[in-house]
């Protein structure tokens, strides 16, 4: 949110934030009820059909996270079959499983436990009702560094995901926001993100 607040300050506009659940947030943008959505949103081809994205501001990694006391280390993706995996509904992990893991016989999308949000995922992980959770890197780092949860990364997937700000299709705001991201530059963007993740 700091990035978009900075944009509004630099352009003399007012930011009004309306909280939504994940699906509602994306729906509000695609239907034009909201001008922009930002919350670690993966840029996917499917989403591009109904909304426009800023240039990517973060190369994301996806962690399979476990509780430290379980000491799960995935050295070979064939090991995944013996574990339960969960994550919030509507996340881009579906595509990874469907396009990368399922065809190779590593894991089936039908075995995934889906949750309303990361809060429920973490609760089940802590209660022992879930072995592994897919968590994107910014969320994982926040849980590990800021909230001090006793979790560990058991496996990392890289190169599959970039994060961006979502705008209504055809939004002129998007083009000006991209100019702002270029004005900030990668070092300032990284400093803003590091404030929240480290």
N, C-alpha and C. Protein backbone atom coordinates (compact mmCIF):
# COMPACT_ATOMS: atom_id res chain seq x y z
N UNK A 1 0.82 -1.19 0.00
CA UNK A 1 0.00 0.00 0.00
C UNK A 1 0.87 1.26 0.00
N UNK A 2 2.07 1.18 0.58
CA UNK A 2 2.96 2.34 0.62
C UNK A 2 3.29 2.83 -0.78
N UNK A 3 3.45 1.91 -1.72
CA UNK A 3 3.78 2.31 -3.09
C UNK A 3 2.64 3.13 -3.68
N UNK A 4 1.41 2.67 -3.50
CA UNK A 4 0.29 3.40 -4.09
C UNK A 4 0.01 4.70 -3.33
N UNK A 5 0.24 4.72 -2.03
CA UNK A 5 0.11 5.98 -1.28
C UNK A 5 1.10 7.00 -1.80
N UNK A 6 2.32 6.54 -2.06
CA UNK A 6 3.34 7.43 -2.63
C UNK A 6 2.93 7.96 -3.99
N UNK A 7 2.32 7.09 -4.79
CA UNK A 7 1.82 7.52 -6.10
C UNK A 7 0.79 8.63 -5.93
N UNK A 8 -0.17 8.42 -5.04
CA UNK A 8 -1.23 9.42 -4.82
C UNK A 8 -0.65 10.74 -4.33
N UNK A 9 0.32 10.68 -3.43
CA UNK A 9 0.95 11.91 -2.94
C UNK A 9 1.65 12.64 -4.08
N UNK A 10 2.33 11.89 -4.94
CA UNK A 10 3.07 12.52 -6.04
C UNK A 10 2.15 13.11 -7.10
N UNK A 11 0.92 12.60 -7.18
CA UNK A 11 -0.01 13.05 -8.22
C UNK A 11 -1.15 13.91 -7.66
N UNK A 12 -1.15 14.12 -6.34
CA UNK A 12 -2.17 14.97 -5.74
C UNK A 12 -3.56 14.37 -5.74
N UNK A 13 -3.63 13.05 -5.67
CA UNK A 13 -4.94 12.40 -5.61
C UNK A 13 -5.14 11.78 -4.22
N UNK A 14 -6.35 11.38 -3.94
CA UNK A 14 -6.69 10.81 -2.63
C UNK A 14 -6.89 9.30 -2.76
N UNK A 15 -6.33 8.57 -1.83
CA UNK A 15 -6.48 7.12 -1.80
C UNK A 15 -7.58 6.76 -0.82
N UNK A 16 -8.60 6.07 -1.31
CA UNK A 16 -9.66 5.56 -0.44
C UNK A 16 -9.58 4.03 -0.50
N UNK A 17 -9.28 3.41 0.62
CA UNK A 17 -9.10 1.96 0.67
C UNK A 17 -10.38 1.30 1.16
N UNK A 18 -10.85 0.32 0.40
CA UNK A 18 -12.01 -0.47 0.79
C UNK A 18 -11.55 -1.92 0.97
N UNK A 19 -11.71 -2.49 2.15
CA UNK A 19 -11.28 -3.88 2.34
C UNK A 19 -12.24 -4.87 1.66
N UNK A 20 -11.66 -5.86 1.01
CA UNK A 20 -12.41 -6.94 0.36
C UNK A 20 -11.73 -8.26 0.71
N UNK A 21 -12.47 -9.36 0.57
CA UNK A 21 -11.78 -10.65 0.57
C UNK A 21 -11.12 -10.78 -0.80
N UNK A 22 -10.34 -11.85 -0.98
CA UNK A 22 -9.52 -11.99 -2.19
C UNK A 22 -10.35 -11.93 -3.46
N UNK A 23 -11.35 -12.77 -3.58
CA UNK A 23 -12.16 -12.82 -4.80
C UNK A 23 -12.92 -11.52 -5.00
N UNK A 24 -13.42 -10.94 -3.91
CA UNK A 24 -14.15 -9.68 -3.99
C UNK A 24 -13.28 -8.54 -4.47
N UNK A 25 -12.03 -8.54 -4.05
CA UNK A 25 -11.09 -7.49 -4.45
C UNK A 25 -10.87 -7.52 -5.96
N UNK A 26 -10.60 -8.70 -6.49
CA UNK A 26 -10.37 -8.82 -7.93
C UNK A 26 -11.65 -8.54 -8.71
N UNK A 27 -12.78 -8.99 -8.18
CA UNK A 27 -14.07 -8.73 -8.82
C UNK A 27 -14.40 -7.25 -8.86
N UNK A 28 -14.05 -6.52 -7.79
CA UNK A 28 -14.32 -5.08 -7.74
C UNK A 28 -13.54 -4.34 -8.82
N UNK A 29 -12.31 -4.77 -9.07
CA UNK A 29 -11.50 -4.13 -10.12
C UNK A 29 -12.04 -4.50 -11.50
N UNK A 30 -12.29 -5.79 -11.73
CA UNK A 30 -12.73 -6.21 -13.07
C UNK A 30 -14.09 -5.63 -13.42
N UNK A 31 -14.93 -5.32 -12.41
CA UNK A 31 -16.25 -4.76 -12.68
C UNK A 31 -16.25 -3.23 -12.67
N UNK A 32 -15.10 -2.62 -12.35
CA UNK A 32 -15.01 -1.17 -12.33
C UNK A 32 -15.45 -0.52 -11.03
N UNK A 33 -15.76 -1.31 -10.00
CA UNK A 33 -16.15 -0.74 -8.69
C UNK A 33 -14.95 -0.17 -7.95
N UNK A 34 -13.76 -0.65 -8.28
CA UNK A 34 -12.53 -0.14 -7.69
C UNK A 34 -11.57 0.20 -8.82
N UNK A 35 -10.75 1.23 -8.61
CA UNK A 35 -9.80 1.64 -9.64
C UNK A 35 -8.57 0.75 -9.68
N UNK A 36 -8.18 0.24 -8.52
CA UNK A 36 -6.95 -0.53 -8.43
C UNK A 36 -7.06 -1.52 -7.27
N UNK A 37 -6.34 -2.63 -7.39
CA UNK A 37 -6.23 -3.60 -6.30
C UNK A 37 -4.76 -3.92 -6.11
N UNK A 38 -4.36 -4.04 -4.86
CA UNK A 38 -2.97 -4.40 -4.57
C UNK A 38 -2.95 -5.23 -3.30
N UNK A 39 -2.39 -6.40 -3.43
CA UNK A 39 -2.26 -7.27 -2.27
C UNK A 39 -1.47 -8.50 -2.70
N UNK A 40 -0.29 -8.28 -3.26
CA UNK A 40 0.50 -9.40 -3.74
C UNK A 40 -0.21 -10.15 -4.85
N UNK A 41 -0.68 -9.43 -5.87
CA UNK A 41 -1.50 -10.04 -6.93
C UNK A 41 -0.61 -10.59 -8.04
N UNK A 42 -0.74 -11.88 -8.29
CA UNK A 42 0.01 -12.52 -9.37
C UNK A 42 -0.57 -12.11 -10.72
N UNK A 43 0.33 -11.79 -11.64
CA UNK A 43 -0.08 -11.44 -13.00
C UNK A 43 -0.24 -12.75 -13.76
N UNK A 44 -1.46 -13.10 -14.13
CA UNK A 44 -1.72 -14.34 -14.87
C UNK A 44 -2.47 -14.01 -16.16
N UNK A 45 -2.35 -14.90 -17.14
CA UNK A 45 -3.06 -14.71 -18.41
C UNK A 45 -4.56 -14.65 -18.20
N UNK A 46 -5.07 -15.50 -17.32
CA UNK A 46 -6.51 -15.53 -17.06
C UNK A 46 -6.99 -14.19 -16.48
N UNK A 47 -6.24 -13.64 -15.55
CA UNK A 47 -6.61 -12.35 -14.96
C UNK A 47 -6.48 -11.21 -15.97
N UNK A 48 -5.50 -11.32 -16.88
CA UNK A 48 -5.32 -10.28 -17.90
C UNK A 48 -6.52 -10.18 -18.83
N UNK A 49 -7.32 -11.23 -18.91
CA UNK A 49 -8.52 -11.19 -19.76
C UNK A 49 -9.55 -10.20 -19.23
N UNK A 50 -9.57 -9.95 -17.91
CA UNK A 50 -10.61 -9.10 -17.32
C UNK A 50 -10.07 -7.85 -16.62
N UNK A 51 -8.76 -7.71 -16.54
CA UNK A 51 -8.17 -6.52 -15.92
C UNK A 51 -6.79 -6.27 -16.51
N UNK A 52 -6.29 -5.06 -16.34
CA UNK A 52 -4.94 -4.70 -16.78
C UNK A 52 -4.02 -4.67 -15.56
N UNK A 53 -2.74 -4.91 -15.80
CA UNK A 53 -1.76 -4.91 -14.72
C UNK A 53 -0.68 -3.87 -14.95
N UNK A 54 -0.14 -3.38 -13.85
CA UNK A 54 1.05 -2.54 -13.92
C UNK A 54 2.20 -3.41 -14.37
N UNK A 55 3.31 -2.76 -14.65
CA UNK A 55 4.52 -3.55 -14.86
C UNK A 55 4.80 -4.31 -13.56
N UNK A 56 5.43 -5.46 -13.63
CA UNK A 56 5.71 -6.21 -12.40
C UNK A 56 6.61 -5.40 -11.47
N UNK A 57 6.31 -5.45 -10.19
CA UNK A 57 7.16 -4.77 -9.22
C UNK A 57 7.94 -5.76 -8.34
N UNK A 58 7.64 -7.07 -8.51
CA UNK A 58 8.29 -8.06 -7.64
C UNK A 58 8.31 -9.42 -8.33
N UNK A 59 9.50 -10.04 -8.40
CA UNK A 59 9.63 -11.42 -8.86
C UNK A 59 9.39 -12.30 -7.65
N UNK A 60 8.27 -12.98 -7.66
CA UNK A 60 7.83 -13.72 -6.49
C UNK A 60 8.39 -15.14 -6.47
N UNK A 61 8.49 -15.69 -5.29
CA UNK A 61 8.81 -17.11 -5.10
C UNK A 61 7.68 -17.72 -4.29
N UNK A 62 7.40 -18.98 -4.54
CA UNK A 62 6.35 -19.69 -3.81
C UNK A 62 7.00 -20.73 -2.92
N UNK A 63 6.73 -20.64 -1.63
CA UNK A 63 7.32 -21.55 -0.66
C UNK A 63 6.30 -22.60 -0.24
N UNK A 64 6.73 -23.83 -0.16
CA UNK A 64 5.97 -24.86 0.53
C UNK A 64 6.48 -24.81 1.97
N UNK A 65 5.61 -24.40 2.87
CA UNK A 65 6.00 -24.11 4.24
C UNK A 65 5.46 -25.19 5.18
N UNK A 66 6.28 -25.55 6.17
CA UNK A 66 5.85 -26.50 7.19
C UNK A 66 6.21 -25.94 8.56
N UNK A 67 5.66 -26.54 9.59
CA UNK A 67 6.04 -26.17 10.95
C UNK A 67 7.46 -26.69 11.19
N UNK A 68 8.28 -25.91 11.88
CA UNK A 68 9.67 -26.30 12.13
C UNK A 68 9.75 -27.64 12.86
N UNK A 69 8.83 -27.88 13.80
CA UNK A 69 8.90 -29.11 14.58
C UNK A 69 8.61 -30.36 13.75
N UNK A 70 8.02 -30.20 12.57
CA UNK A 70 7.79 -31.36 11.68
C UNK A 70 9.04 -31.67 10.85
N UNK A 71 9.90 -30.66 10.68
CA UNK A 71 11.17 -30.81 9.96
C UNK A 71 11.00 -31.48 8.59
N UNK A 72 10.05 -31.01 7.80
CA UNK A 72 9.83 -31.55 6.46
C UNK A 72 10.77 -30.85 5.48
N UNK A 73 11.62 -31.62 4.84
CA UNK A 73 12.51 -31.10 3.80
C UNK A 73 12.23 -31.86 2.51
N UNK A 74 11.80 -31.14 1.49
CA UNK A 74 11.50 -31.77 0.20
C UNK A 74 12.75 -31.70 -0.67
N UNK A 75 13.35 -32.84 -0.92
CA UNK A 75 14.53 -32.92 -1.79
C UNK A 75 14.16 -33.36 -3.20
N UNK A 76 13.03 -34.06 -3.30
CA UNK A 76 12.54 -34.60 -4.56
C UNK A 76 11.03 -34.39 -4.58
N UNK A 77 10.52 -33.82 -5.66
CA UNK A 77 9.08 -33.52 -5.71
C UNK A 77 8.20 -34.76 -5.62
N UNK A 78 8.76 -35.95 -5.85
CA UNK A 78 7.99 -37.19 -5.65
C UNK A 78 7.56 -37.35 -4.19
N UNK A 79 8.26 -36.70 -3.27
CA UNK A 79 7.92 -36.76 -1.84
C UNK A 79 6.58 -36.10 -1.54
N UNK A 80 6.12 -35.19 -2.41
CA UNK A 80 4.90 -34.43 -2.13
C UNK A 80 3.68 -35.31 -1.91
N UNK A 81 3.63 -36.46 -2.58
CA UNK A 81 2.46 -37.35 -2.52
C UNK A 81 2.10 -37.76 -1.10
N UNK A 82 3.09 -37.81 -0.22
CA UNK A 82 2.80 -38.30 1.14
C UNK A 82 2.36 -37.19 2.09
N UNK A 83 2.23 -35.96 1.58
CA UNK A 83 1.85 -34.83 2.44
C UNK A 83 0.55 -34.18 1.99
N UNK A 84 -0.15 -33.58 2.95
CA UNK A 84 -1.32 -32.75 2.61
C UNK A 84 -0.81 -31.34 2.33
N UNK A 85 -1.39 -30.71 1.32
CA UNK A 85 -0.99 -29.35 0.91
C UNK A 85 -2.25 -28.48 0.87
N UNK A 86 -2.13 -27.26 1.37
CA UNK A 86 -3.25 -26.34 1.34
C UNK A 86 -2.83 -24.92 1.03
N UNK A 87 -3.81 -24.11 0.62
CA UNK A 87 -3.60 -22.69 0.36
C UNK A 87 -4.94 -22.02 0.14
N UNK A 88 -4.98 -20.67 0.15
CA UNK A 88 -6.25 -19.97 -0.05
C UNK A 88 -6.80 -20.15 -1.47
N UNK A 89 -8.12 -20.18 -1.59
CA UNK A 89 -8.79 -20.27 -2.89
C UNK A 89 -8.38 -19.11 -3.79
N UNK A 90 -8.34 -19.38 -5.09
CA UNK A 90 -8.12 -18.32 -6.07
C UNK A 90 -6.66 -17.93 -6.28
N UNK A 91 -5.75 -18.67 -5.68
CA UNK A 91 -4.33 -18.33 -5.82
C UNK A 91 -3.77 -18.97 -7.09
N UNK A 92 -2.65 -18.42 -7.56
CA UNK A 92 -2.04 -18.90 -8.80
C UNK A 92 -1.37 -20.27 -8.64
N UNK A 93 -1.32 -20.79 -7.42
CA UNK A 93 -0.73 -22.12 -7.21
C UNK A 93 -1.49 -23.19 -7.98
N UNK A 94 -2.79 -22.97 -8.20
CA UNK A 94 -3.59 -23.92 -9.00
C UNK A 94 -2.91 -24.22 -10.32
N UNK A 95 -2.46 -23.16 -11.00
CA UNK A 95 -1.83 -23.33 -12.32
C UNK A 95 -0.53 -24.11 -12.22
N UNK A 96 0.26 -23.85 -11.18
CA UNK A 96 1.51 -24.58 -10.99
C UNK A 96 1.23 -26.07 -10.84
N UNK A 97 0.26 -26.40 -10.00
CA UNK A 97 -0.05 -27.82 -9.77
C UNK A 97 -0.61 -28.45 -11.04
N UNK A 98 -1.57 -27.76 -11.67
CA UNK A 98 -2.22 -28.30 -12.87
C UNK A 98 -1.26 -28.45 -14.04
N UNK A 99 -0.36 -27.47 -14.24
CA UNK A 99 0.50 -27.46 -15.42
C UNK A 99 1.88 -28.06 -15.21
N UNK A 100 2.36 -28.07 -13.97
CA UNK A 100 3.72 -28.56 -13.72
C UNK A 100 3.76 -29.84 -12.88
N UNK A 101 3.03 -29.87 -11.78
CA UNK A 101 3.14 -31.00 -10.86
C UNK A 101 2.28 -32.19 -11.27
N UNK A 102 1.03 -31.93 -11.65
CA UNK A 102 0.10 -33.02 -12.01
C UNK A 102 0.59 -33.82 -13.22
N UNK A 103 0.99 -33.16 -14.32
CA UNK A 103 1.43 -33.94 -15.49
C UNK A 103 2.63 -34.84 -15.21
N UNK A 104 3.45 -34.47 -14.23
CA UNK A 104 4.63 -35.27 -13.89
C UNK A 104 4.34 -36.27 -12.78
N UNK A 105 3.09 -36.30 -12.31
CA UNK A 105 2.70 -37.26 -11.28
C UNK A 105 3.14 -36.90 -9.88
N UNK A 106 3.54 -35.64 -9.64
CA UNK A 106 4.02 -35.24 -8.31
C UNK A 106 2.88 -34.98 -7.33
N UNK A 107 1.80 -34.34 -7.80
CA UNK A 107 0.69 -34.00 -6.90
C UNK A 107 -0.54 -33.71 -7.73
N UNK A 108 -1.70 -34.02 -7.17
CA UNK A 108 -2.97 -33.81 -7.88
C UNK A 108 -3.72 -32.62 -7.30
N UNK A 109 -4.25 -31.79 -8.18
CA UNK A 109 -5.03 -30.63 -7.75
C UNK A 109 -6.22 -31.05 -6.89
N UNK A 110 -6.75 -32.24 -7.15
CA UNK A 110 -7.92 -32.71 -6.38
C UNK A 110 -7.59 -33.02 -4.92
N UNK A 111 -6.30 -33.18 -4.59
CA UNK A 111 -5.89 -33.46 -3.21
C UNK A 111 -5.69 -32.19 -2.37
N UNK A 112 -5.65 -31.03 -3.02
CA UNK A 112 -5.36 -29.78 -2.33
C UNK A 112 -6.50 -29.39 -1.40
N UNK A 113 -6.16 -28.93 -0.20
CA UNK A 113 -7.14 -28.37 0.73
C UNK A 113 -7.19 -26.87 0.49
N UNK A 114 -8.38 -26.35 0.19
CA UNK A 114 -8.55 -24.92 -0.09
C UNK A 114 -9.17 -24.21 1.11
N UNK A 115 -8.74 -22.99 1.36
CA UNK A 115 -9.15 -22.21 2.52
C UNK A 115 -9.60 -20.81 2.09
N UNK A 116 -10.36 -20.12 2.96
CA UNK A 116 -10.78 -18.75 2.64
C UNK A 116 -9.60 -17.76 2.60
N UNK A 117 -8.61 -17.95 3.50
CA UNK A 117 -7.49 -17.01 3.55
C UNK A 117 -6.27 -17.70 4.17
N UNK A 118 -5.14 -16.99 4.17
CA UNK A 118 -3.93 -17.54 4.79
C UNK A 118 -4.12 -17.78 6.29
N UNK A 119 -4.96 -17.00 6.95
CA UNK A 119 -5.17 -17.18 8.40
C UNK A 119 -5.62 -18.60 8.72
N UNK A 120 -6.59 -19.11 7.95
CA UNK A 120 -7.08 -20.48 8.18
C UNK A 120 -6.03 -21.52 7.78
N UNK A 121 -5.26 -21.23 6.76
CA UNK A 121 -4.19 -22.14 6.34
C UNK A 121 -3.18 -22.30 7.48
N UNK A 122 -2.74 -21.18 8.02
CA UNK A 122 -1.75 -21.20 9.11
C UNK A 122 -2.32 -21.90 10.34
N UNK A 123 -3.58 -21.66 10.66
CA UNK A 123 -4.21 -22.32 11.81
C UNK A 123 -4.16 -23.83 11.64
N UNK A 124 -4.54 -24.34 10.47
CA UNK A 124 -4.51 -25.79 10.24
C UNK A 124 -3.08 -26.32 10.24
N UNK A 125 -2.14 -25.55 9.74
CA UNK A 125 -0.73 -25.95 9.77
C UNK A 125 -0.28 -26.10 11.23
N UNK A 126 -0.62 -25.11 12.05
CA UNK A 126 -0.23 -25.14 13.47
C UNK A 126 -0.93 -26.25 14.24
N UNK A 127 -2.17 -26.55 13.87
CA UNK A 127 -2.94 -27.60 14.57
C UNK A 127 -2.59 -29.00 14.10
N UNK A 128 -1.75 -29.12 13.10
CA UNK A 128 -1.37 -30.43 12.58
C UNK A 128 -2.36 -31.02 11.60
N UNK A 129 -3.35 -30.23 11.16
CA UNK A 129 -4.33 -30.71 10.17
C UNK A 129 -3.84 -30.54 8.74
N UNK A 130 -2.67 -29.96 8.56
CA UNK A 130 -2.09 -29.71 7.25
C UNK A 130 -0.58 -29.85 7.37
N UNK A 131 0.04 -30.54 6.41
CA UNK A 131 1.50 -30.74 6.46
C UNK A 131 2.26 -29.57 5.85
N UNK A 132 1.80 -29.15 4.66
CA UNK A 132 2.50 -28.11 3.90
C UNK A 132 1.52 -27.06 3.41
N UNK A 133 1.96 -25.82 3.41
CA UNK A 133 1.13 -24.74 2.88
C UNK A 133 1.91 -24.01 1.80
N UNK A 134 1.27 -23.76 0.67
CA UNK A 134 1.86 -22.87 -0.33
C UNK A 134 1.68 -21.45 0.18
N UNK A 135 2.77 -20.73 0.31
CA UNK A 135 2.73 -19.34 0.75
C UNK A 135 3.71 -18.55 -0.11
N UNK A 136 3.23 -17.44 -0.66
CA UNK A 136 4.12 -16.63 -1.48
C UNK A 136 5.13 -15.93 -0.59
N UNK A 137 6.28 -15.61 -1.18
CA UNK A 137 7.42 -15.13 -0.41
C UNK A 137 7.13 -13.92 0.49
N UNK A 138 6.46 -12.86 0.01
CA UNK A 138 6.23 -11.72 0.92
C UNK A 138 5.44 -12.12 2.17
N UNK A 139 4.46 -12.98 2.01
CA UNK A 139 3.65 -13.43 3.15
C UNK A 139 4.49 -14.31 4.06
N UNK A 140 5.26 -15.23 3.47
CA UNK A 140 6.12 -16.11 4.25
C UNK A 140 7.12 -15.29 5.09
N UNK A 141 7.77 -14.31 4.45
CA UNK A 141 8.76 -13.50 5.18
C UNK A 141 8.11 -12.70 6.31
N UNK A 142 6.90 -12.22 6.08
CA UNK A 142 6.18 -11.51 7.14
C UNK A 142 5.88 -12.45 8.31
N UNK A 143 5.39 -13.65 8.01
CA UNK A 143 5.10 -14.62 9.07
C UNK A 143 6.36 -15.00 9.84
N UNK A 144 7.45 -15.22 9.10
CA UNK A 144 8.69 -15.67 9.72
C UNK A 144 9.39 -14.54 10.48
N UNK A 145 9.54 -13.38 9.86
CA UNK A 145 10.35 -12.31 10.44
C UNK A 145 9.58 -11.37 11.36
N UNK A 146 8.36 -11.03 11.00
CA UNK A 146 7.59 -10.06 11.80
C UNK A 146 6.75 -10.75 12.87
N UNK A 147 6.05 -11.80 12.47
CA UNK A 147 5.16 -12.49 13.41
C UNK A 147 5.86 -13.61 14.18
N UNK A 148 7.08 -13.94 13.76
CA UNK A 148 7.91 -14.95 14.45
C UNK A 148 7.23 -16.31 14.58
N UNK A 149 6.48 -16.71 13.55
CA UNK A 149 5.86 -18.04 13.58
C UNK A 149 6.94 -19.10 13.39
N UNK A 150 6.82 -20.24 14.08
CA UNK A 150 7.82 -21.30 13.97
C UNK A 150 7.62 -22.14 12.70
N UNK A 151 7.78 -21.47 11.54
CA UNK A 151 7.61 -22.15 10.25
C UNK A 151 8.92 -22.14 9.49
N UNK A 152 9.01 -23.03 8.52
CA UNK A 152 10.21 -23.09 7.68
C UNK A 152 9.80 -23.36 6.25
N UNK A 153 10.66 -22.94 5.34
CA UNK A 153 10.43 -23.24 3.93
C UNK A 153 10.98 -24.63 3.65
N UNK A 154 10.10 -25.52 3.20
CA UNK A 154 10.50 -26.89 2.91
C UNK A 154 10.90 -27.07 1.45
N UNK A 155 10.41 -26.17 0.58
CA UNK A 155 10.75 -26.20 -0.84
C UNK A 155 10.36 -24.86 -1.45
N UNK A 156 11.12 -24.38 -2.43
CA UNK A 156 10.84 -23.09 -3.07
C UNK A 156 10.70 -23.27 -4.57
N UNK A 157 9.63 -22.70 -5.12
CA UNK A 157 9.43 -22.64 -6.57
C UNK A 157 9.71 -21.20 -7.01
N UNK A 158 10.61 -21.03 -7.98
CA UNK A 158 10.91 -19.69 -8.50
C UNK A 158 10.67 -19.66 -10.00
N UNK A 159 10.53 -18.44 -10.52
CA UNK A 159 10.38 -18.25 -11.96
C UNK A 159 8.98 -18.44 -12.49
N UNK A 160 8.00 -18.61 -11.62
CA UNK A 160 6.62 -18.84 -12.06
C UNK A 160 5.71 -17.64 -11.85
N UNK A 161 6.16 -16.62 -11.12
CA UNK A 161 5.22 -15.60 -10.67
C UNK A 161 5.85 -14.22 -10.58
N UNK A 162 5.13 -13.24 -11.07
CA UNK A 162 5.48 -11.83 -10.90
C UNK A 162 4.25 -11.13 -10.33
N UNK A 163 4.48 -10.18 -9.42
CA UNK A 163 3.38 -9.45 -8.80
C UNK A 163 3.21 -8.08 -9.44
N UNK A 164 1.95 -7.65 -9.52
CA UNK A 164 1.64 -6.34 -10.07
C UNK A 164 0.40 -5.76 -9.43
N UNK A 165 0.13 -4.51 -9.74
CA UNK A 165 -1.10 -3.84 -9.30
C UNK A 165 -2.14 -4.08 -10.38
N UNK A 166 -3.36 -4.42 -9.98
CA UNK A 166 -4.44 -4.71 -10.93
C UNK A 166 -5.32 -3.47 -11.12
N UNK A 167 -5.63 -3.17 -12.38
CA UNK A 167 -6.46 -2.01 -12.73
C UNK A 167 -7.62 -2.47 -13.59
N UNK A 168 -8.68 -1.68 -13.60
CA UNK A 168 -9.80 -1.95 -14.50
C UNK A 168 -9.29 -1.95 -15.94
N UNK A 169 -9.87 -2.78 -16.78
CA UNK A 169 -9.46 -2.90 -18.18
C UNK A 169 -9.52 -1.52 -18.85
N UNK A 170 -8.44 -1.15 -19.55
CA UNK A 170 -8.40 0.13 -20.26
C UNK A 170 -8.12 1.33 -19.39
N UNK A 171 -7.72 1.13 -18.15
CA UNK A 171 -7.50 2.23 -17.21
C UNK A 171 -6.32 3.11 -17.63
N UNK A 172 -6.57 4.42 -17.71
CA UNK A 172 -5.49 5.38 -17.96
C UNK A 172 -4.61 5.53 -16.72
N UNK A 173 -5.18 5.27 -15.57
CA UNK A 173 -4.45 5.31 -14.31
C UNK A 173 -3.27 4.34 -14.34
N UNK A 174 -3.46 3.20 -14.96
CA UNK A 174 -2.40 2.19 -15.03
C UNK A 174 -1.15 2.75 -15.72
N UNK A 175 -1.33 3.43 -16.85
CA UNK A 175 -0.18 3.96 -17.60
C UNK A 175 0.59 4.99 -16.77
N UNK A 176 -0.14 5.86 -16.07
CA UNK A 176 0.53 6.86 -15.23
C UNK A 176 1.21 6.20 -14.04
N UNK A 177 0.59 5.15 -13.50
CA UNK A 177 1.20 4.43 -12.37
C UNK A 177 2.49 3.75 -12.82
N UNK A 178 2.51 3.19 -14.03
CA UNK A 178 3.76 2.60 -14.55
C UNK A 178 4.87 3.65 -14.63
N UNK A 179 4.50 4.88 -15.04
CA UNK A 179 5.49 5.97 -15.07
C UNK A 179 6.03 6.22 -13.67
N UNK A 180 5.14 6.18 -12.68
CA UNK A 180 5.56 6.39 -11.29
C UNK A 180 6.53 5.28 -10.84
N UNK A 181 6.22 4.03 -11.19
CA UNK A 181 7.13 2.94 -10.83
C UNK A 181 8.51 3.16 -11.44
N UNK A 182 8.54 3.65 -12.69
CA UNK A 182 9.82 3.95 -13.34
C UNK A 182 10.54 5.10 -12.63
N UNK A 183 9.77 6.10 -12.18
CA UNK A 183 10.36 7.22 -11.43
C UNK A 183 10.98 6.72 -10.12
N UNK A 184 10.30 5.81 -9.45
CA UNK A 184 10.83 5.25 -8.20
C UNK A 184 12.11 4.47 -8.45
N UNK A 185 12.08 3.61 -9.45
CA UNK A 185 13.21 2.76 -9.75
C UNK A 185 13.26 1.54 -8.84
N UNK A 186 14.00 0.51 -9.26
CA UNK A 186 14.02 -0.76 -8.53
C UNK A 186 14.53 -0.66 -7.09
N UNK A 187 15.52 0.19 -6.83
CA UNK A 187 16.09 0.27 -5.47
C UNK A 187 15.09 0.83 -4.47
N UNK A 188 14.35 1.88 -4.85
CA UNK A 188 13.36 2.46 -3.93
C UNK A 188 12.19 1.49 -3.73
N UNK A 189 11.79 0.81 -4.79
CA UNK A 189 10.71 -0.18 -4.66
C UNK A 189 11.14 -1.28 -3.69
N UNK A 190 12.38 -1.77 -3.86
CA UNK A 190 12.89 -2.82 -2.98
C UNK A 190 12.93 -2.34 -1.53
N UNK A 191 13.35 -1.10 -1.31
CA UNK A 191 13.42 -0.57 0.06
C UNK A 191 12.03 -0.52 0.70
N UNK A 192 11.02 -0.14 -0.08
CA UNK A 192 9.65 -0.10 0.44
C UNK A 192 9.18 -1.51 0.80
N UNK A 193 9.44 -2.47 -0.09
CA UNK A 193 9.02 -3.86 0.15
C UNK A 193 9.76 -4.47 1.34
N UNK A 194 11.06 -4.19 1.43
CA UNK A 194 11.87 -4.74 2.53
C UNK A 194 11.36 -4.29 3.89
N UNK A 195 10.81 -3.08 3.94
CA UNK A 195 10.28 -2.55 5.21
C UNK A 195 9.18 -3.48 5.75
N UNK A 196 8.43 -4.11 4.85
CA UNK A 196 7.31 -4.96 5.26
C UNK A 196 7.71 -6.43 5.42
N UNK A 197 8.80 -6.82 4.76
CA UNK A 197 9.12 -8.25 4.73
C UNK A 197 10.27 -8.65 5.64
N UNK A 198 11.11 -7.70 6.02
CA UNK A 198 12.31 -8.09 6.78
C UNK A 198 12.29 -7.52 8.17
